[in-house]
């Protein structure tokens, strides 16, 4: 007999996180959208889908939706297309591509290496900055 509970046990922290921080707020937002809540009033009045009817009848909503779709079309689509073309171009194993890979990934690697070197310098046991600061604060 297979242990089918083990994968669920392993996934349970992630599922709990998704439930608490994604699905519960999403459900709560849908539930709250069915009520008319005012800041100054005591309670919320159930209005059903009237909020959505007002939303879809508003010209500002359609203008902002069009602006968002245009923004997506002009930024996300070219970005994904360029990334895919670059990935395909750099996947070939030519001399020029090896140089391009290095030139492309160097700006990503240099900050990590310099940060690691800085932290090594700060926490170096013999002559570390942290040791000097700690000694001056402790009075030794």
N, C-alpha and C. Protein backbone atom coordinates (compact mmCIF):
# COMPACT_ATOMS: atom_id res chain seq x y z
N UNK A 1 0.84 -1.19 0.00
CA UNK A 1 0.00 0.00 0.00
C UNK A 1 0.88 1.25 0.00
N UNK A 2 0.61 2.15 -0.94
CA UNK A 2 1.41 3.36 -1.04
C UNK A 2 0.99 4.39 -0.01
N UNK A 3 1.96 5.15 0.42
CA UNK A 3 1.67 6.23 1.37
C UNK A 3 1.29 7.47 0.57
N UNK A 4 0.00 7.72 0.46
CA UNK A 4 -0.45 8.88 -0.31
C UNK A 4 -0.51 10.14 0.54
N UNK A 5 -0.33 10.02 1.84
CA UNK A 5 -0.40 11.19 2.71
C UNK A 5 0.91 11.98 2.72
N UNK A 6 2.02 11.34 2.36
CA UNK A 6 3.32 12.02 2.42
C UNK A 6 3.40 13.23 1.48
N UNK A 7 2.98 13.12 0.22
CA UNK A 7 3.01 14.33 -0.62
C UNK A 7 2.14 15.46 -0.07
N UNK A 8 0.98 15.12 0.48
CA UNK A 8 0.11 16.14 1.06
C UNK A 8 0.75 16.76 2.30
N UNK A 9 1.46 15.96 3.06
CA UNK A 9 2.16 16.48 4.23
C UNK A 9 3.26 17.45 3.82
N UNK A 10 3.97 17.11 2.76
CA UNK A 10 5.04 17.98 2.28
C UNK A 10 4.47 19.27 1.69
N UNK A 11 3.34 19.16 1.00
CA UNK A 11 2.72 20.34 0.38
C UNK A 11 1.90 21.19 1.34
N UNK A 12 1.60 20.67 2.51
CA UNK A 12 0.68 21.37 3.41
C UNK A 12 1.13 22.78 3.81
N UNK A 13 2.42 23.06 4.08
CA UNK A 13 2.77 24.46 4.39
C UNK A 13 2.49 25.41 3.22
N UNK A 14 2.80 24.97 2.01
CA UNK A 14 2.53 25.82 0.84
C UNK A 14 1.04 25.99 0.62
N UNK A 15 0.29 24.91 0.79
CA UNK A 15 -1.16 25.01 0.61
C UNK A 15 -1.78 25.90 1.67
N UNK A 16 -1.29 25.81 2.90
CA UNK A 16 -1.78 26.68 3.96
C UNK A 16 -1.47 28.15 3.66
N UNK A 17 -0.26 28.40 3.18
CA UNK A 17 0.13 29.76 2.81
C UNK A 17 -0.78 30.30 1.70
N UNK A 18 -1.02 29.47 0.67
CA UNK A 18 -1.91 29.89 -0.42
C UNK A 18 -3.32 30.15 0.08
N UNK A 19 -3.79 29.29 0.97
CA UNK A 19 -5.14 29.45 1.50
C UNK A 19 -5.25 30.76 2.28
N UNK A 20 -4.28 31.03 3.16
CA UNK A 20 -4.34 32.21 4.02
C UNK A 20 -4.11 33.51 3.27
N UNK A 21 -3.19 33.51 2.32
CA UNK A 21 -2.78 34.77 1.71
C UNK A 21 -3.24 34.96 0.28
N UNK A 22 -3.92 33.97 -0.31
CA UNK A 22 -4.44 34.12 -1.66
C UNK A 22 -5.93 33.85 -1.72
N UNK A 23 -6.31 32.63 -1.35
CA UNK A 23 -7.71 32.23 -1.54
C UNK A 23 -8.65 32.90 -0.54
N UNK A 24 -8.26 33.01 0.71
CA UNK A 24 -9.12 33.68 1.68
C UNK A 24 -9.34 35.16 1.34
N UNK A 25 -8.28 35.93 1.04
CA UNK A 25 -8.52 37.33 0.65
C UNK A 25 -9.33 37.47 -0.64
N UNK A 26 -9.11 36.56 -1.58
CA UNK A 26 -9.88 36.62 -2.82
C UNK A 26 -11.36 36.36 -2.55
N UNK A 27 -11.65 35.35 -1.77
CA UNK A 27 -13.04 35.06 -1.42
C UNK A 27 -13.67 36.18 -0.62
N UNK A 28 -12.90 36.76 0.29
CA UNK A 28 -13.40 37.87 1.10
C UNK A 28 -13.70 39.09 0.22
N UNK A 29 -12.86 39.33 -0.79
CA UNK A 29 -13.10 40.45 -1.70
C UNK A 29 -14.37 40.25 -2.52
N UNK A 30 -14.57 39.03 -2.99
CA UNK A 30 -15.80 38.73 -3.74
C UNK A 30 -17.01 38.91 -2.84
N UNK A 31 -16.93 38.42 -1.61
CA UNK A 31 -18.03 38.56 -0.65
C UNK A 31 -18.31 40.04 -0.35
N UNK A 32 -17.25 40.80 -0.10
CA UNK A 32 -17.41 42.23 0.22
C UNK A 32 -17.95 43.03 -0.96
N UNK A 33 -17.68 42.56 -2.19
CA UNK A 33 -18.16 43.30 -3.36
C UNK A 33 -19.68 43.21 -3.51
N UNK A 34 -20.32 42.32 -2.80
CA UNK A 34 -21.77 42.19 -2.86
C UNK A 34 -22.49 43.11 -1.89
N UNK A 35 -21.73 43.92 -1.15
CA UNK A 35 -22.31 44.81 -0.14
C UNK A 35 -21.95 46.25 -0.46
N UNK A 36 -22.82 47.16 -0.02
CA UNK A 36 -22.55 48.58 -0.13
C UNK A 36 -22.05 49.05 1.23
N UNK A 37 -20.77 49.28 1.33
CA UNK A 37 -20.17 49.70 2.60
C UNK A 37 -19.75 51.16 2.49
N UNK A 38 -20.16 51.93 3.45
CA UNK A 38 -19.77 53.34 3.52
C UNK A 38 -18.89 53.51 4.76
N UNK A 39 -17.96 54.41 4.69
CA UNK A 39 -17.04 54.61 5.81
C UNK A 39 -17.76 55.13 7.05
N UNK A 40 -18.75 55.98 6.87
CA UNK A 40 -19.41 56.60 8.01
C UNK A 40 -20.56 55.77 8.57
N UNK A 41 -21.02 54.77 7.81
CA UNK A 41 -22.18 54.00 8.28
C UNK A 41 -21.75 52.87 9.19
N UNK A 42 -22.70 52.38 9.96
CA UNK A 42 -22.41 51.30 10.91
C UNK A 42 -22.32 49.94 10.23
N UNK A 43 -23.23 49.65 9.34
CA UNK A 43 -23.26 48.33 8.74
C UNK A 43 -23.21 48.39 7.23
N UNK A 44 -23.09 47.23 6.64
CA UNK A 44 -23.06 47.13 5.19
C UNK A 44 -24.41 46.63 4.71
N UNK A 45 -24.88 47.22 3.62
CA UNK A 45 -26.17 46.83 3.06
C UNK A 45 -25.93 45.92 1.87
N UNK A 46 -26.63 44.79 1.82
CA UNK A 46 -26.48 43.84 0.72
C UNK A 46 -27.10 44.43 -0.54
N UNK A 47 -26.31 44.49 -1.62
CA UNK A 47 -26.82 45.03 -2.88
C UNK A 47 -26.70 44.04 -4.02
N UNK A 48 -26.14 42.88 -3.77
CA UNK A 48 -26.01 41.86 -4.82
C UNK A 48 -25.01 42.29 -5.87
N UNK A 49 -25.42 42.22 -7.13
CA UNK A 49 -24.53 42.55 -8.24
C UNK A 49 -24.67 44.00 -8.70
N UNK A 50 -25.34 44.84 -7.91
CA UNK A 50 -25.51 46.25 -8.30
C UNK A 50 -24.18 46.98 -8.41
N UNK A 51 -23.22 46.65 -7.57
CA UNK A 51 -21.90 47.29 -7.66
C UNK A 51 -21.26 47.01 -9.02
N UNK A 52 -21.42 45.78 -9.51
CA UNK A 52 -20.85 45.43 -10.81
C UNK A 52 -21.61 46.10 -11.94
N UNK A 53 -22.92 46.22 -11.80
CA UNK A 53 -23.72 46.92 -12.82
C UNK A 53 -23.29 48.38 -12.92
N UNK A 54 -23.07 49.03 -11.78
CA UNK A 54 -22.59 50.42 -11.79
C UNK A 54 -21.19 50.51 -12.38
N UNK A 55 -20.34 49.53 -12.06
CA UNK A 55 -18.97 49.53 -12.57
C UNK A 55 -18.95 49.43 -14.09
N UNK A 56 -19.72 48.49 -14.63
CA UNK A 56 -19.72 48.29 -16.08
C UNK A 56 -20.43 49.41 -16.83
N UNK A 57 -21.23 50.19 -16.14
CA UNK A 57 -21.90 51.33 -16.77
C UNK A 57 -21.05 52.59 -16.73
N UNK A 58 -19.95 52.57 -15.99
CA UNK A 58 -19.11 53.75 -15.81
C UNK A 58 -18.09 53.85 -16.95
N UNK A 59 -18.03 55.01 -17.60
CA UNK A 59 -17.09 55.21 -18.70
C UNK A 59 -15.64 55.25 -18.23
N UNK A 60 -15.41 55.72 -17.02
CA UNK A 60 -14.04 55.78 -16.49
C UNK A 60 -13.46 54.36 -16.35
N UNK A 61 -14.30 53.40 -15.97
CA UNK A 61 -13.84 52.02 -15.86
C UNK A 61 -13.36 51.51 -17.21
N UNK A 62 -14.14 51.74 -18.26
CA UNK A 62 -13.77 51.24 -19.58
C UNK A 62 -12.53 51.95 -20.10
N UNK A 63 -12.38 53.23 -19.79
CA UNK A 63 -11.18 53.96 -20.21
C UNK A 63 -9.94 53.41 -19.50
N UNK A 64 -10.05 53.17 -18.19
CA UNK A 64 -8.90 52.64 -17.44
C UNK A 64 -8.60 51.21 -17.86
N UNK A 65 -9.62 50.42 -18.17
CA UNK A 65 -9.38 49.06 -18.66
C UNK A 65 -8.65 49.10 -19.99
N UNK A 66 -9.06 50.00 -20.87
CA UNK A 66 -8.37 50.15 -22.16
C UNK A 66 -6.93 50.59 -21.98
N UNK A 67 -6.70 51.52 -21.04
CA UNK A 67 -5.32 51.97 -20.77
C UNK A 67 -4.46 50.83 -20.26
N UNK A 68 -5.01 50.01 -19.37
CA UNK A 68 -4.25 48.88 -18.83
C UNK A 68 -3.95 47.84 -19.91
N UNK A 69 -4.92 47.55 -20.75
CA UNK A 69 -4.69 46.58 -21.83
C UNK A 69 -3.66 47.10 -22.82
N UNK A 70 -3.70 48.41 -23.11
CA UNK A 70 -2.70 49.01 -24.00
C UNK A 70 -1.31 48.94 -23.37
N UNK A 71 -1.22 49.22 -22.08
CA UNK A 71 0.05 49.14 -21.37
C UNK A 71 0.61 47.71 -21.42
N UNK A 72 -0.25 46.72 -21.20
CA UNK A 72 0.18 45.33 -21.27
C UNK A 72 0.67 45.00 -22.67
N UNK A 73 -0.08 45.43 -23.66
CA UNK A 73 0.28 45.15 -25.05
C UNK A 73 1.62 45.78 -25.42
N UNK A 74 1.89 46.97 -24.91
CA UNK A 74 3.12 47.69 -25.28
C UNK A 74 4.32 47.36 -24.41
N UNK A 75 4.13 46.71 -23.27
CA UNK A 75 5.27 46.40 -22.40
C UNK A 75 5.50 44.90 -22.23
N UNK A 76 4.48 44.17 -21.87
CA UNK A 76 4.65 42.75 -21.57
C UNK A 76 4.93 41.94 -22.83
N UNK A 77 4.15 42.16 -23.87
CA UNK A 77 4.32 41.38 -25.10
C UNK A 77 5.70 41.59 -25.72
N UNK A 78 6.18 42.83 -25.90
CA UNK A 78 7.55 42.97 -26.43
C UNK A 78 8.62 42.44 -25.49
N UNK A 79 8.41 42.58 -24.18
CA UNK A 79 9.41 42.07 -23.23
C UNK A 79 9.54 40.56 -23.30
N UNK A 80 8.42 39.87 -23.34
CA UNK A 80 8.46 38.40 -23.43
C UNK A 80 9.02 37.97 -24.78
N UNK A 81 8.62 38.65 -25.84
CA UNK A 81 9.14 38.32 -27.18
C UNK A 81 10.65 38.51 -27.24
N UNK A 82 11.13 39.63 -26.74
CA UNK A 82 12.57 39.89 -26.75
C UNK A 82 13.33 38.88 -25.89
N UNK A 83 12.77 38.53 -24.74
CA UNK A 83 13.42 37.54 -23.88
C UNK A 83 13.50 36.18 -24.56
N UNK A 84 12.44 35.76 -25.22
CA UNK A 84 12.46 34.48 -25.93
C UNK A 84 13.45 34.49 -27.09
N UNK A 85 13.48 35.58 -27.85
CA UNK A 85 14.44 35.68 -28.95
C UNK A 85 15.87 35.67 -28.44
N UNK A 86 16.13 36.36 -27.35
CA UNK A 86 17.47 36.38 -26.77
C UNK A 86 17.86 35.00 -26.25
N UNK A 87 16.91 34.29 -25.62
CA UNK A 87 17.20 32.95 -25.13
C UNK A 87 17.51 31.99 -26.27
N UNK A 88 16.75 32.07 -27.35
CA UNK A 88 17.01 31.21 -28.50
C UNK A 88 18.36 31.56 -29.13
N UNK A 89 18.65 32.85 -29.24
CA UNK A 89 19.92 33.27 -29.85
C UNK A 89 21.11 32.84 -29.00
N UNK A 90 20.99 32.93 -27.68
CA UNK A 90 22.12 32.58 -26.82
C UNK A 90 22.23 31.08 -26.57
N UNK A 91 21.24 30.30 -26.99
CA UNK A 91 21.33 28.85 -26.77
C UNK A 91 22.27 28.18 -27.76
N UNK A 92 22.54 28.82 -28.87
CA UNK A 92 23.49 28.27 -29.83
C UNK A 92 24.90 28.36 -29.25
N UNK A 93 25.75 27.41 -29.60
CA UNK A 93 27.09 27.36 -29.02
C UNK A 93 28.13 27.84 -30.05
N UNK A 94 28.15 29.14 -30.28
CA UNK A 94 29.13 29.76 -31.17
C UNK A 94 30.08 30.62 -30.34
N UNK A 95 31.19 30.99 -30.95
CA UNK A 95 32.17 31.82 -30.25
C UNK A 95 31.57 33.17 -29.87
N UNK A 96 30.81 33.78 -30.76
CA UNK A 96 30.19 35.07 -30.47
C UNK A 96 29.17 34.94 -29.35
N UNK A 97 28.42 33.85 -29.35
CA UNK A 97 27.40 33.66 -28.32
C UNK A 97 28.01 33.46 -26.94
N UNK A 98 29.16 32.81 -26.87
CA UNK A 98 29.82 32.66 -25.56
C UNK A 98 30.21 34.04 -25.03
N UNK A 99 30.72 34.91 -25.90
CA UNK A 99 31.06 36.26 -25.47
C UNK A 99 29.81 37.03 -25.08
N UNK A 100 28.72 36.90 -25.85
CA UNK A 100 27.47 37.59 -25.54
C UNK A 100 26.88 37.11 -24.22
N UNK A 101 26.96 35.80 -23.96
CA UNK A 101 26.47 35.28 -22.68
C UNK A 101 27.23 35.92 -21.52
N UNK A 102 28.54 35.99 -21.67
CA UNK A 102 29.35 36.60 -20.62
C UNK A 102 28.99 38.08 -20.45
N UNK A 103 28.86 38.80 -21.54
CA UNK A 103 28.52 40.22 -21.47
C UNK A 103 27.12 40.43 -20.91
N UNK A 104 26.22 39.51 -21.18
CA UNK A 104 24.85 39.64 -20.72
C UNK A 104 24.72 39.33 -19.23
N UNK A 105 25.46 38.31 -18.76
CA UNK A 105 25.30 37.89 -17.37
C UNK A 105 26.26 38.59 -16.40
N UNK A 106 27.27 39.27 -16.89
CA UNK A 106 28.20 39.97 -16.01
C UNK A 106 27.51 41.00 -15.12
N UNK A 107 26.61 41.83 -15.64
CA UNK A 107 25.94 42.79 -14.75
C UNK A 107 25.10 42.12 -13.66
N UNK A 108 24.71 40.88 -13.87
CA UNK A 108 23.94 40.17 -12.85
C UNK A 108 24.84 39.55 -11.79
N UNK A 109 26.05 39.20 -12.17
CA UNK A 109 26.95 38.49 -11.27
C UNK A 109 27.78 39.45 -10.42
N UNK A 110 28.20 40.57 -10.99
CA UNK A 110 29.10 41.49 -10.29
C UNK A 110 28.52 42.00 -8.97
N UNK A 111 27.26 42.43 -8.88
CA UNK A 111 26.75 42.89 -7.58
C UNK A 111 26.75 41.79 -6.51
N UNK A 112 26.45 40.55 -6.91
CA UNK A 112 26.45 39.46 -5.93
C UNK A 112 27.86 39.18 -5.42
N UNK A 113 28.82 39.18 -6.32
CA UNK A 113 30.21 38.91 -5.92
C UNK A 113 30.73 40.04 -5.04
N UNK A 114 30.44 41.28 -5.40
CA UNK A 114 30.93 42.40 -4.58
C UNK A 114 30.25 42.42 -3.21
N UNK A 115 28.97 42.07 -3.14
CA UNK A 115 28.29 42.00 -1.84
C UNK A 115 28.88 40.88 -1.00
N UNK A 116 29.17 39.74 -1.60
CA UNK A 116 29.78 38.64 -0.85
C UNK A 116 31.16 39.03 -0.34
N UNK A 117 31.95 39.71 -1.16
CA UNK A 117 33.28 40.15 -0.72
C UNK A 117 33.17 41.16 0.42
N UNK A 118 32.20 42.05 0.34
CA UNK A 118 32.01 43.03 1.41
C UNK A 118 31.64 42.35 2.72
N UNK A 119 30.71 41.39 2.68
CA UNK A 119 30.32 40.68 3.90
C UNK A 119 31.48 39.85 4.45
N UNK A 120 32.29 39.26 3.57
CA UNK A 120 33.48 38.54 4.05
C UNK A 120 34.44 39.50 4.76
N UNK A 121 34.62 40.69 4.22
CA UNK A 121 35.49 41.68 4.85
C UNK A 121 34.93 42.12 6.19
N UNK A 122 33.62 42.32 6.28
CA UNK A 122 33.01 42.77 7.53
C UNK A 122 33.14 41.72 8.61
N UNK A 123 32.94 40.46 8.28
CA UNK A 123 32.91 39.40 9.29
C UNK A 123 34.18 38.55 9.33
N UNK A 124 35.28 39.01 8.74
CA UNK A 124 36.54 38.29 8.82
C UNK A 124 37.01 38.28 10.27
N UNK A 125 37.27 37.09 10.86
CA UNK A 125 37.53 37.02 12.30
C UNK A 125 38.73 37.84 12.78
N UNK A 126 39.83 37.85 12.06
CA UNK A 126 41.04 38.48 12.57
C UNK A 126 40.98 40.01 12.49
N UNK A 127 40.61 40.53 11.37
CA UNK A 127 40.67 41.99 11.20
C UNK A 127 39.34 42.55 10.71
N UNK A 128 38.28 42.02 11.23
CA UNK A 128 36.96 42.42 10.74
C UNK A 128 36.54 43.78 11.27
N UNK A 129 35.77 44.47 10.48
CA UNK A 129 35.18 45.74 10.93
C UNK A 129 34.24 45.49 12.09
N UNK A 130 33.51 44.38 12.02
CA UNK A 130 32.55 44.09 13.08
C UNK A 130 33.26 43.84 14.41
N UNK A 131 34.44 43.21 14.38
CA UNK A 131 35.19 42.97 15.61
C UNK A 131 35.66 44.29 16.20
N UNK A 132 36.15 45.19 15.37
CA UNK A 132 36.60 46.50 15.84
C UNK A 132 35.45 47.28 16.45
N UNK A 133 34.32 47.28 15.79
CA UNK A 133 33.15 48.00 16.30
C UNK A 133 32.68 47.36 17.60
N UNK A 134 32.64 46.04 17.66
CA UNK A 134 32.19 45.34 18.87
C UNK A 134 33.12 45.65 20.04
N UNK A 135 34.43 45.65 19.80
CA UNK A 135 35.38 45.94 20.87
C UNK A 135 35.25 47.38 21.36
N UNK A 136 35.02 48.30 20.46
CA UNK A 136 34.88 49.69 20.89
C UNK A 136 33.59 49.91 21.66
N UNK A 137 32.55 49.16 21.33
CA UNK A 137 31.28 49.29 22.05
C UNK A 137 31.32 48.59 23.41
N UNK A 138 32.06 47.49 23.49
CA UNK A 138 32.10 46.74 24.75
C UNK A 138 33.15 47.27 25.71
N UNK A 139 34.02 48.16 25.27
CA UNK A 139 35.01 48.75 26.15
C UNK A 139 36.28 47.93 26.29
N UNK A 140 36.51 46.98 25.41
CA UNK A 140 37.74 46.18 25.49
C UNK A 140 38.78 46.66 24.53
